[in-house]
Amino acid sequence: MAVFLEVRHRIKPITNTAFDLFVDFYADTVMPAMERHGIDLFGAWKVTGGEMGWDLSIHRYESMAHAEECLNSLGQDTALWSAVDKLRGEIEIEEITKFANTVSYGTEERLQAALDANPDQPRQYMLAVLQTATGGLLPAIKTIGGLVDTLEDAGAMQLATAYASRIGRTGELTDLWIMPHGPSGMMEYRAGDSLKEIVGPLREHAPEEAIYFLNPLPYSKLQ
């Protein structure tokens, strides 16, 4: 089972100039360093929704031991950290990390299909973060698996991957969706609930959910 490291950065001041400086630095300096130390960063996005100024990226590792090996190696890259210190003299960077395990419906085949798609232009993504009730994680995973199949069969959305927190908030479940039709349909009010047979039971196991829209950054493998 793959281990993911989810990394969020908040860049201040909250301006496009500061964010662009961070993105250029990540593309030119951080990504080559990660590749040198065997780190597979497969997705990176600017986050829309909530507090402004956030990015999100996801690394993939074979195991926790593999993650520790790669990150320890990265931590000894003096050239990288010297460049980071110089950048911090120009902008403020807050970092939040979370280790997670992939879940049953977040299959390697789904992620590989998303990576292989090679779209003509970057796709819109959506991150759904669910907080499960005590003892509700496994039932929520089973229920969401049915929801994924329904939405994909209808052509509404495509799941890229999904993971549950391993080190972080207990019972947190995250789904990364590709939105082929963009976010507009999610923003409209529509009476009725065509998915009530699935979503109704899901809320018994995962009563809280937050949604974020994501736009791929230039160095993201998922575009």
C-alpha atoms as a PDB file:
ATOM      1  CA  MET A   1       0.000   0.000   0.000  1.00  0.00           C
ATOM      2  CA  ALA A   2       1.440   3.356  -1.050  1.00  0.00           C
ATOM      3  CA  VAL A   3       2.182   6.038   1.516  1.00  0.00           C
ATOM      4  CA  PHE A   4       1.406   9.650   0.603  1.00  0.00           C
ATOM      5  CA  LEU A   5       2.805  12.823   2.088  1.00  0.00           C
ATOM      6  CA  GLU A   6       0.438  15.753   1.655  1.00  0.00           C
ATOM      7  CA  VAL A   7       2.194  19.121   1.940  1.00  0.00           C
ATOM      8  CA  ARG A   8       0.504  22.501   2.138  1.00  0.00           C
ATOM      9  CA  HIS A   9       2.301  25.845   1.994  1.00  0.00           C
ATOM     10  CA  ARG A  10       0.843  29.254   2.703  1.00  0.00           C
ATOM     11  CA  ILE A  11       2.705  32.098   1.050  1.00  0.00           C
ATOM     12  CA  LYS A  12       2.688  35.635   2.466  1.00  0.00           C
ATOM     13  CA  PRO A  13       2.211  38.367   1.576  1.00  0.00           C
ATOM     14  CA  ILE A  14      -0.982  37.141  -0.093  1.00  0.00           C
ATOM     15  CA  THR A  15      -0.159  38.527  -3.530  1.00  0.00           C
ATOM     16  CA  ASN A  16       0.249  36.983  -6.960  1.00  0.00           C
ATOM     17  CA  THR A  17       3.815  38.309  -7.040  1.00  0.00           C
ATOM     18  CA  ALA A  18       4.787  36.399  -3.889  1.00  0.00           C
ATOM     19  CA  PHE A  19       3.016  33.238  -5.022  1.00  0.00           C
ATOM     20  CA  ASP A  20       4.665  33.383  -8.451  1.00  0.00           C
ATOM     21  CA  LEU A  21       8.057  33.770  -6.782  1.00  0.00           C
ATOM     22  CA  PHE A  22       7.371  30.624  -4.733  1.00  0.00           C
ATOM     23  CA  VAL A  23       6.190  28.656  -7.791  1.00  0.00           C
ATOM     24  CA  ASP A  24       9.238  29.628  -9.852  1.00  0.00           C
ATOM     25  CA  PHE A  25      11.548  28.685  -6.975  1.00  0.00           C
ATOM     26  CA  TYR A  26       9.813  25.326  -6.520  1.00  0.00           C
ATOM     27  CA  ALA A  27      10.046  24.531 -10.237  1.00  0.00           C
ATOM     28  CA  ASP A  28      13.676  25.609 -10.655  1.00  0.00           C
ATOM     29  CA  THR A  29      15.185  24.544  -7.306  1.00  0.00           C
ATOM     30  CA  VAL A  30      12.985  22.270  -5.193  1.00  0.00           C
ATOM     31  CA  MET A  31      11.781  19.875  -7.906  1.00  0.00           C
ATOM     32  CA  PRO A  32      15.311  19.045  -9.146  1.00  0.00           C
ATOM     33  CA  ALA A  33      16.368  18.451  -5.532  1.00  0.00           C
ATOM     34  CA  MET A  34      13.423  16.114  -4.945  1.00  0.00           C
ATOM     35  CA  GLU A  35      14.305  14.162  -8.060  1.00  0.00           C
ATOM     36  CA  ARG A  36      17.927  13.861  -6.863  1.00  0.00           C
ATOM     37  CA  HIS A  37      16.727  12.329  -3.614  1.00  0.00           C
ATOM     38  CA  GLY A  38      14.167   9.943  -5.139  1.00  0.00           C
ATOM     39  CA  ILE A  39      10.998  11.819  -4.172  1.00  0.00           C
ATOM     40  CA  ASP A  40       7.983  11.332  -6.449  1.00  0.00           C
ATOM     41  CA  LEU A  41       5.914  14.518  -6.267  1.00  0.00           C
ATOM     42  CA  PHE A  42       3.063  13.621  -8.613  1.00  0.00           C
ATOM     43  CA  GLY A  43       0.615  16.451  -8.007  1.00  0.00           C
ATOM     44  CA  ALA A  44       0.833  20.142  -7.105  1.00  0.00           C
ATOM     45  CA  TRP A  45      -1.924  22.755  -7.174  1.00  0.00           C
ATOM     46  CA  LYS A  46      -2.931  26.239  -6.131  1.00  0.00           C
ATOM     47  CA  VAL A  47      -5.852  25.984  -3.714  1.00  0.00           C
ATOM     48  CA  THR A  48      -9.053  27.982  -4.267  1.00  0.00           C
ATOM     49  CA  GLY A  49     -11.424  28.324  -1.335  1.00  0.00           C
ATOM     50  CA  GLY A  50     -10.925  29.236   2.310  1.00  0.00           C
ATOM     51  CA  GLU A  51      -7.834  31.211   3.260  1.00  0.00           C
ATOM     52  CA  MET A  52      -5.937  32.615   0.304  1.00  0.00           C
ATOM     53  CA  GLY A  53      -2.306  31.937  -0.527  1.00  0.00           C
ATOM     54  CA  TRP A  54      -2.176  28.142  -0.181  1.00  0.00           C
ATOM     55  CA  ASP A  55      -0.679  25.486  -2.415  1.00  0.00           C
ATOM     56  CA  LEU A  56      -0.987  21.711  -2.016  1.00  0.00           C
ATOM     57  CA  SER A  57       1.303  18.942  -3.226  1.00  0.00           C
ATOM     58  CA  ILE A  58       1.341  15.162  -2.792  1.00  0.00           C
ATOM     59  CA  HIS A  59       4.407  12.890  -2.678  1.00  0.00           C
ATOM     60  CA  ARG A  60       4.193   9.121  -3.155  1.00  0.00           C
ATOM     61  CA  TYR A  61       6.415   6.583  -1.369  1.00  0.00           C
ATOM     62  CA  GLU A  62       6.584   2.790  -1.281  1.00  0.00           C
ATOM     63  CA  SER A  63       6.487   2.710   2.537  1.00  0.00           C
ATOM     64  CA  MET A  64       7.147   4.826   5.633  1.00  0.00           C
ATOM     65  CA  ALA A  65      10.718   3.525   5.647  1.00  0.00           C
ATOM     66  CA  HIS A  66      11.135   4.698   2.041  1.00  0.00           C
ATOM     67  CA  ALA A  67       9.672   8.101   2.947  1.00  0.00           C
ATOM     68  CA  GLU A  68      12.054   8.493   5.885  1.00  0.00           C
ATOM     69  CA  GLU A  69      15.020   7.524   3.706  1.00  0.00           C
ATOM     70  CA  CYS A  70      14.156  10.034   0.964  1.00  0.00           C
ATOM     71  CA  LEU A  71      13.263  12.886   3.317  1.00  0.00           C
ATOM     72  CA  ASN A  72      16.370  12.373   5.460  1.00  0.00           C
ATOM     73  CA  SER A  73      18.457  12.524   2.296  1.00  0.00           C
ATOM     74  CA  LEU A  74      16.676  15.708   1.200  1.00  0.00           C
ATOM     75  CA  GLY A  75      17.246  17.219   4.633  1.00  0.00           C
ATOM     76  CA  GLN A  76      21.026  16.926   4.137  1.00  0.00           C
ATOM     77  CA  ASP A  77      20.988  18.823   0.837  1.00  0.00           C
ATOM     78  CA  THR A  78      22.822  21.938   2.008  1.00  0.00           C
ATOM     79  CA  ALA A  79      22.548  23.698  -1.362  1.00  0.00           C
ATOM     80  CA  LEU A  80      18.748  23.376  -1.300  1.00  0.00           C
ATOM     81  CA  TRP A  81      18.337  24.655   2.244  1.00  0.00           C
ATOM     82  CA  SER A  82      20.680  27.537   1.633  1.00  0.00           C
ATOM     83  CA  ALA A  83      18.452  28.561  -1.299  1.00  0.00           C
ATOM     84  CA  VAL A  84      15.332  28.113   0.867  1.00  0.00           C
ATOM     85  CA  ASP A  85      16.783  30.399   3.546  1.00  0.00           C
ATOM     86  CA  LYS A  86      17.448  33.046   0.901  1.00  0.00           C
ATOM     87  CA  LEU A  87      13.868  32.776  -0.370  1.00  0.00           C
ATOM     88  CA  ARG A  88      12.512  33.131   3.180  1.00  0.00           C
ATOM     89  CA  GLY A  89      14.210  36.519   3.260  1.00  0.00           C
ATOM     90  CA  GLU A  90      11.786  37.630   0.545  1.00  0.00           C
ATOM     91  CA  ILE A  91       8.521  35.826   1.408  1.00  0.00           C
ATOM     92  CA  GLU A  92       7.010  34.063   4.418  1.00  0.00           C
ATOM     93  CA  ILE A  93       6.272  30.337   4.007  1.00  0.00           C
ATOM     94  CA  GLU A  94       4.111  28.314   6.389  1.00  0.00           C
ATOM     95  CA  GLU A  95       4.176  24.525   5.920  1.00  0.00           C
ATOM     96  CA  ILE A  96       1.735  21.818   7.083  1.00  0.00           C
ATOM     97  CA  THR A  97       2.370  18.127   6.373  1.00  0.00           C
ATOM     98  CA  LYS A  98       0.295  14.966   6.713  1.00  0.00           C
ATOM     99  CA  PHE A  99       1.182  11.332   6.107  1.00  0.00           C
ATOM    100  CA  ALA A 100      -1.586   9.129   4.731  1.00  0.00           C
ATOM    101  CA  ASN A 101      -2.255   5.649   3.369  1.00  0.00           C
ATOM    102  CA  THR A 102      -4.111   5.024   0.129  1.00  0.00           C
ATOM    103  CA  VAL A 103      -7.558   3.422   0.549  1.00  0.00           C
ATOM    104  CA  SER A 104      -9.192   0.590  -1.377  1.00  0.00           C
ATOM    105  CA  TYR A 105     -11.065   2.655  -3.970  1.00  0.00           C
ATOM    106  CA  GLY A 106      -8.078   4.973  -4.523  1.00  0.00           C
ATOM    107  CA  THR A 107      -6.437   2.371  -6.708  1.00  0.00           C
ATOM    108  CA  GLU A 108      -3.062   2.588  -8.403  1.00  0.00           C
ATOM    109  CA  GLU A 109      -4.888   2.035 -11.722  1.00  0.00           C
ATOM    110  CA  ARG A 110      -7.018   5.147 -11.188  1.00  0.00           C
ATOM    111  CA  LEU A 111      -4.003   7.275 -10.333  1.00  0.00           C
ATOM    112  CA  GLN A 112      -1.993   5.939 -13.263  1.00  0.00           C
ATOM    113  CA  ALA A 113      -4.886   6.630 -15.658  1.00  0.00           C
ATOM    114  CA  ALA A 114      -5.000  10.226 -14.416  1.00  0.00           C
ATOM    115  CA  LEU A 115      -1.233  10.568 -14.879  1.00  0.00           C
ATOM    116  CA  ASP A 116      -1.315   9.048 -18.369  1.00  0.00           C
ATOM    117  CA  ALA A 117      -4.192  11.188 -19.656  1.00  0.00           C
ATOM    118  CA  ASN A 118      -2.000  13.969 -21.160  1.00  0.00           C
ATOM    119  CA  PRO A 119      -4.821  16.546 -21.477  1.00  0.00           C
ATOM    120  CA  ASP A 120      -4.649  19.419 -23.973  1.00  0.00           C
ATOM    121  CA  GLN A 121      -4.904  21.882 -21.089  1.00  0.00           C
ATOM    122  CA  PRO A 122      -4.735  21.617 -17.286  1.00  0.00           C
ATOM    123  CA  ARG A 123      -7.820  20.048 -15.733  1.00  0.00           C
ATOM    124  CA  GLN A 124      -9.834  21.330 -12.804  1.00  0.00           C
ATOM    125  CA  TYR A 125      -9.479  19.268  -9.623  1.00  0.00           C
ATOM    126  CA  MET A 126     -11.516  19.081  -6.431  1.00  0.00           C
ATOM    127  CA  LEU A 127     -10.315  17.942  -3.024  1.00  0.00           C
ATOM    128  CA  ALA A 128     -12.986  16.521  -0.714  1.00  0.00           C
ATOM    129  CA  VAL A 129     -11.863  16.183   2.913  1.00  0.00           C
ATOM    130  CA  LEU A 130     -14.204  14.136   5.082  1.00  0.00           C
ATOM    131  CA  GLN A 131     -14.071  13.721   8.831  1.00  0.00           C
ATOM    132  CA  THR A 132     -15.463  10.356   9.849  1.00  0.00           C
ATOM    133  CA  ALA A 133     -17.227   9.558  13.105  1.00  0.00           C
ATOM    134  CA  THR A 134     -15.665   7.227  15.664  1.00  0.00           C
ATOM    135  CA  GLY A 135     -15.577   3.798  14.075  1.00  0.00           C
ATOM    136  CA  GLY A 136     -16.855   5.235  10.793  1.00  0.00           C
ATOM    137  CA  LEU A 137     -13.741   5.160   8.642  1.00  0.00           C
ATOM    138  CA  LEU A 138     -14.122   1.672   7.170  1.00  0.00           C
ATOM    139  CA  PRO A 139     -17.899   2.014   6.531  1.00  0.00           C
ATOM    140  CA  ALA A 140     -17.258   5.419   4.902  1.00  0.00           C
ATOM    141  CA  ILE A 141     -14.581   3.907   2.641  1.00  0.00           C
ATOM    142  CA  LYS A 142     -17.007   1.184   1.547  1.00  0.00           C
ATOM    143  CA  THR A 143     -19.807   3.702   0.885  1.00  0.00           C
ATOM    144  CA  ILE A 144     -17.614   6.137  -1.038  1.00  0.00           C
ATOM    145  CA  GLY A 145     -16.414   3.290  -3.240  1.00  0.00           C
ATOM    146  CA  GLY A 146     -19.984   2.951  -4.519  1.00  0.00           C
ATOM    147  CA  LEU A 147     -20.285   6.714  -4.992  1.00  0.00           C
ATOM    148  CA  VAL A 148     -17.070   6.775  -7.039  1.00  0.00           C
ATOM    149  CA  ASP A 149     -18.370   4.097  -9.396  1.00  0.00           C
ATOM    150  CA  THR A 150     -21.679   5.954  -9.815  1.00  0.00           C
ATOM    151  CA  LEU A 151     -20.067   9.320 -10.621  1.00  0.00           C
ATOM    152  CA  GLU A 152     -17.505   7.823 -12.988  1.00  0.00           C
ATOM    153  CA  ASP A 153     -20.123   5.756 -14.840  1.00  0.00           C
ATOM    154  CA  ALA A 154     -22.186   8.941 -15.312  1.00  0.00           C
ATOM    155  CA  GLY A 155     -19.160  10.864 -16.620  1.00  0.00           C
ATOM    156  CA  ALA A 156     -19.639  13.478 -13.900  1.00  0.00           C
ATOM    157  CA  MET A 157     -16.261  13.202 -12.199  1.00  0.00           C
ATOM    158  CA  GLN A 158     -13.205  10.957 -12.189  1.00  0.00           C
ATOM    159  CA  LEU A 159     -11.344   9.927  -9.056  1.00  0.00           C
ATOM    160  CA  ALA A 160      -7.574  10.417  -9.230  1.00  0.00           C
ATOM    161  CA  THR A 161      -6.713   9.001  -5.805  1.00  0.00           C
ATOM    162  CA  ALA A 162      -7.915   8.775  -2.200  1.00  0.00           C
ATOM    163  CA  TYR A 163      -6.168   8.438   1.142  1.00  0.00           C
ATOM    164  CA  ALA A 164      -6.783   8.286   4.896  1.00  0.00           C
ATOM    165  CA  SER A 165      -4.632  10.144   7.405  1.00  0.00           C
ATOM    166  CA  ARG A 166      -1.935   8.064   9.057  1.00  0.00           C
ATOM    167  CA  ILE A 167      -0.119  10.774  10.974  1.00  0.00           C
ATOM    168  CA  GLY A 168      -2.434  13.724  11.451  1.00  0.00           C
ATOM    169  CA  ARG A 169      -6.102  14.073  12.263  1.00  0.00           C
ATOM    170  CA  THR A 170      -7.568  10.667  13.151  1.00  0.00           C
ATOM    171  CA  GLY A 171     -10.341   9.464  10.830  1.00  0.00           C
ATOM    172  CA  GLU A 172      -9.737  12.040   8.099  1.00  0.00           C
ATOM    173  CA  LEU A 173     -10.414  10.794   4.570  1.00  0.00           C
ATOM    174  CA  THR A 174      -9.390  12.710   1.433  1.00  0.00           C
ATOM    175  CA  ASP A 175     -10.626  12.213  -2.138  1.00  0.00           C
ATOM    176  CA  LEU A 176      -8.918  13.877  -5.117  1.00  0.00           C
ATOM    177  CA  TRP A 177     -11.341  14.287  -8.028  1.00  0.00           C
ATOM    178  CA  ILE A 178     -10.876  15.390 -11.634  1.00  0.00           C
ATOM    179  CA  MET A 179     -13.753  17.607 -12.782  1.00  0.00           C
ATOM    180  CA  PRO A 180     -14.080  17.247 -16.578  1.00  0.00           C
ATOM    181  CA  HIS A 181     -16.834  19.868 -16.706  1.00  0.00           C
ATOM    182  CA  GLY A 182     -15.226  22.306 -14.280  1.00  0.00           C
ATOM    183  CA  PRO A 183     -16.636  23.462 -10.931  1.00  0.00           C
ATOM    184  CA  SER A 184     -19.685  25.331 -12.260  1.00  0.00           C
ATOM    185  CA  GLY A 185     -22.097  22.482 -11.616  1.00  0.00           C
ATOM    186  CA  MET A 186     -20.932  22.265  -8.006  1.00  0.00           C
ATOM    187  CA  MET A 187     -21.709  25.935  -7.435  1.00  0.00           C
ATOM    188  CA  GLU A 188     -25.336  25.891  -8.560  1.00  0.00           C
ATOM    189  CA  TYR A 189     -28.223  25.251  -6.208  1.00  0.00           C
ATOM    190  CA  ARG A 190     -30.342  22.372  -7.437  1.00  0.00           C
ATOM    191  CA  ALA A 191     -33.359  21.124  -5.537  1.00  0.00           C
ATOM    192  CA  GLY A 192     -33.521  17.411  -4.818  1.00  0.00           C
ATOM    193  CA  ASP A 193     -30.825  14.819  -4.205  1.00  0.00           C
ATOM    194  CA  SER A 194     -30.204  12.306  -6.965  1.00  0.00           C
ATOM    195  CA  LEU A 195     -27.498  10.626  -4.870  1.00  0.00           C
ATOM    196  CA  LYS A 196     -29.459  10.389  -1.603  1.00  0.00           C
ATOM    197  CA  GLU A 197     -29.304   6.590  -1.578  1.00  0.00           C
ATOM    198  CA  ILE A 198     -25.517   6.816  -1.278  1.00  0.00           C
ATOM    199  CA  VAL A 199     -24.885  10.194   0.356  1.00  0.00           C
ATOM    200  CA  GLY A 200     -27.534   9.687   3.037  1.00  0.00           C
ATOM    201  CA  PRO A 201     -25.841   6.598   4.524  1.00  0.00           C
ATOM    202  CA  LEU A 202     -22.424   8.214   4.016  1.00  0.00           C
ATOM    203  CA  ARG A 203     -23.354  11.059   6.370  1.00  0.00           C
ATOM    204  CA  GLU A 204     -23.919   8.546   9.148  1.00  0.00           C
ATOM    205  CA  HIS A 205     -20.248   7.609   8.912  1.00  0.00           C
ATOM    206  CA  ALA A 206     -18.720  10.899   7.694  1.00  0.00           C
ATOM    207  CA  PRO A 207     -20.839  13.790   9.019  1.00  0.00           C
ATOM    208  CA  GLU A 208     -18.337  16.545   8.114  1.00  0.00           C
ATOM    209  CA  GLU A 209     -16.930  17.417   4.691  1.00  0.00           C
ATOM    210  CA  ALA A 210     -14.981  20.346   3.208  1.00  0.00           C
ATOM    211  CA  ILE A 211     -14.449  21.029  -0.497  1.00  0.00           C
ATOM    212  CA  TYR A 212     -11.499  22.811  -2.136  1.00  0.00           C
ATOM    213  CA  PHE A 213     -10.936  23.513  -5.829  1.00  0.00           C
ATOM    214  CA  LEU A 214      -7.418  22.957  -7.175  1.00  0.00           C
ATOM    215  CA  ASN A 215      -5.614  24.281 -10.245  1.00  0.00           C
ATOM    216  CA  PRO A 216      -2.428  22.460 -11.377  1.00  0.00           C
ATOM    217  CA  LEU A 217       0.905  24.217 -11.029  1.00  0.00           C
ATOM    218  CA  PRO A 218       3.425  23.992 -13.919  1.00  0.00           C
ATOM    219  CA  TYR A 219       5.572  21.284 -12.285  1.00  0.00           C
ATOM    220  CA  SER A 220       2.657  18.999 -11.404  1.00  0.00           C
ATOM    221  CA  LYS A 221       2.635  15.614 -13.153  1.00  0.00           C
ATOM    222  CA  LEU A 222      -1.146  15.628 -12.805  1.00  0.00           C
ATOM    223  CA  GLN A 223      -2.339  18.282 -15.249  1.00  0.00           C
END
